[in-house]
Amino acid sequence: MFASADAPLRARAVCQAMDVEIAPSNVNNVRLKLKRLAERRILTETEQGLFTLPRP
């Protein structure tokens, strides 16, 4: 999903792409997972709440 995205994605857009119900608890859970991936440098948080793949 991130590889084909033209711009950084928010947690809500990731939920929509994964067909997860857009509920505050689901969005928060996805946001926390995205932040963990950013801490592990699998993703990059370009701005607060915007996630993308790191550039090589």
C-alpha atoms as a PDB file:
ATOM      1  CA  MET A   1       0.000   0.000   0.000  1.00  0.00           C
ATOM      2  CA  PHE A   2       2.789   2.440   0.921  1.00  0.00           C
ATOM      3  CA  ALA A   3       4.829   1.500  -2.151  1.00  0.00           C
ATOM      4  CA  SER A   4       2.003   2.467  -4.496  1.00  0.00           C
ATOM      5  CA  ALA A   5       0.981   5.629  -2.615  1.00  0.00           C
ATOM      6  CA  ASP A   6       1.808   8.968  -4.241  1.00  0.00           C
ATOM      7  CA  ALA A   7       1.971  10.801  -0.907  1.00  0.00           C
ATOM      8  CA  PRO A   8       2.370   9.952   2.779  1.00  0.00           C
ATOM      9  CA  LEU A   9      -0.657   8.270   4.350  1.00  0.00           C
ATOM     10  CA  ARG A  10      -2.562   8.921   7.560  1.00  0.00           C
ATOM     11  CA  ALA A  11      -3.831   6.129   9.801  1.00  0.00           C
ATOM     12  CA  ARG A  12      -7.404   6.727   8.616  1.00  0.00           C
ATOM     13  CA  ALA A  13      -6.389   6.167   4.975  1.00  0.00           C
ATOM     14  CA  VAL A  14      -4.573   2.971   5.967  1.00  0.00           C
ATOM     15  CA  CYS A  15      -7.751   1.742   7.691  1.00  0.00           C
ATOM     16  CA  GLN A  16      -9.758   2.459   4.550  1.00  0.00           C
ATOM     17  CA  ALA A  17      -7.226   0.654   2.360  1.00  0.00           C
ATOM     18  CA  MET A  18      -7.310  -2.391   4.661  1.00  0.00           C
ATOM     19  CA  ASP A  19     -11.129  -2.384   4.796  1.00  0.00           C
ATOM     20  CA  VAL A  20     -11.117  -1.819   8.564  1.00  0.00           C
ATOM     21  CA  GLU A  21     -14.092  -0.037  10.086  1.00  0.00           C
ATOM     22  CA  ILE A  22     -13.380   3.690  10.524  1.00  0.00           C
ATOM     23  CA  ALA A  23     -13.881   3.863  14.278  1.00  0.00           C
ATOM     24  CA  PRO A  24     -11.739   5.941  16.638  1.00  0.00           C
ATOM     25  CA  SER A  25     -10.372   2.850  18.386  1.00  0.00           C
ATOM     26  CA  ASN A  26      -9.367   1.216  15.086  1.00  0.00           C
ATOM     27  CA  VAL A  27      -7.725   4.387  13.781  1.00  0.00           C
ATOM     28  CA  ASN A  28      -5.796   4.813  17.047  1.00  0.00           C
ATOM     29  CA  ASN A  29      -4.624   1.184  16.953  1.00  0.00           C
ATOM     30  CA  VAL A  30      -3.397   1.563  13.374  1.00  0.00           C
ATOM     31  CA  ARG A  31      -1.696   4.861  14.265  1.00  0.00           C
ATOM     32  CA  LEU A  32       0.164   3.181  17.136  1.00  0.00           C
ATOM     33  CA  LYS A  33       1.288   0.358  14.846  1.00  0.00           C
ATOM     34  CA  LEU A  34       2.467   2.856  12.228  1.00  0.00           C
ATOM     35  CA  LYS A  35       4.436   4.735  14.910  1.00  0.00           C
ATOM     36  CA  ARG A  36       6.086   1.465  15.994  1.00  0.00           C
ATOM     37  CA  LEU A  37       7.048   0.757  12.391  1.00  0.00           C
ATOM     38  CA  ALA A  38       8.503   4.266  12.174  1.00  0.00           C
ATOM     39  CA  GLU A  39      10.538   3.663  15.348  1.00  0.00           C
ATOM     40  CA  ARG A  40      11.939   0.520  13.722  1.00  0.00           C
ATOM     41  CA  ARG A  41      12.689   2.558  10.577  1.00  0.00           C
ATOM     42  CA  ILE A  42      10.448   0.419   8.396  1.00  0.00           C
ATOM     43  CA  LEU A  43       8.349   3.534   7.764  1.00  0.00           C
ATOM     44  CA  THR A  44       9.129   7.217   8.101  1.00  0.00           C
ATOM     45  CA  GLU A  45       6.893   9.786   9.781  1.00  0.00           C
ATOM     46  CA  THR A  46       7.423  12.821   7.523  1.00  0.00           C
ATOM     47  CA  GLU A  47       5.114  15.062   9.546  1.00  0.00           C
ATOM     48  CA  GLN A  48       3.030  14.329  12.594  1.00  0.00           C
ATOM     49  CA  GLY A  49       0.558  11.634  11.547  1.00  0.00           C
ATOM     50  CA  LEU A  50       1.878  11.179   7.981  1.00  0.00           C
ATOM     51  CA  PHE A  51       3.688   7.928   7.201  1.00  0.00           C
ATOM     52  CA  THR A  52       5.592   6.753   4.141  1.00  0.00           C
ATOM     53  CA  LEU A  53       8.350   4.357   3.156  1.00  0.00           C
ATOM     54  CA  PRO A  54      11.879   5.655   3.776  1.00  0.00           C
ATOM     55  CA  ARG A  55      13.761   6.805   0.717  1.00  0.00           C
ATOM     56  CA  PRO A  56      16.770   4.674  -0.249  1.00  0.00           C
END
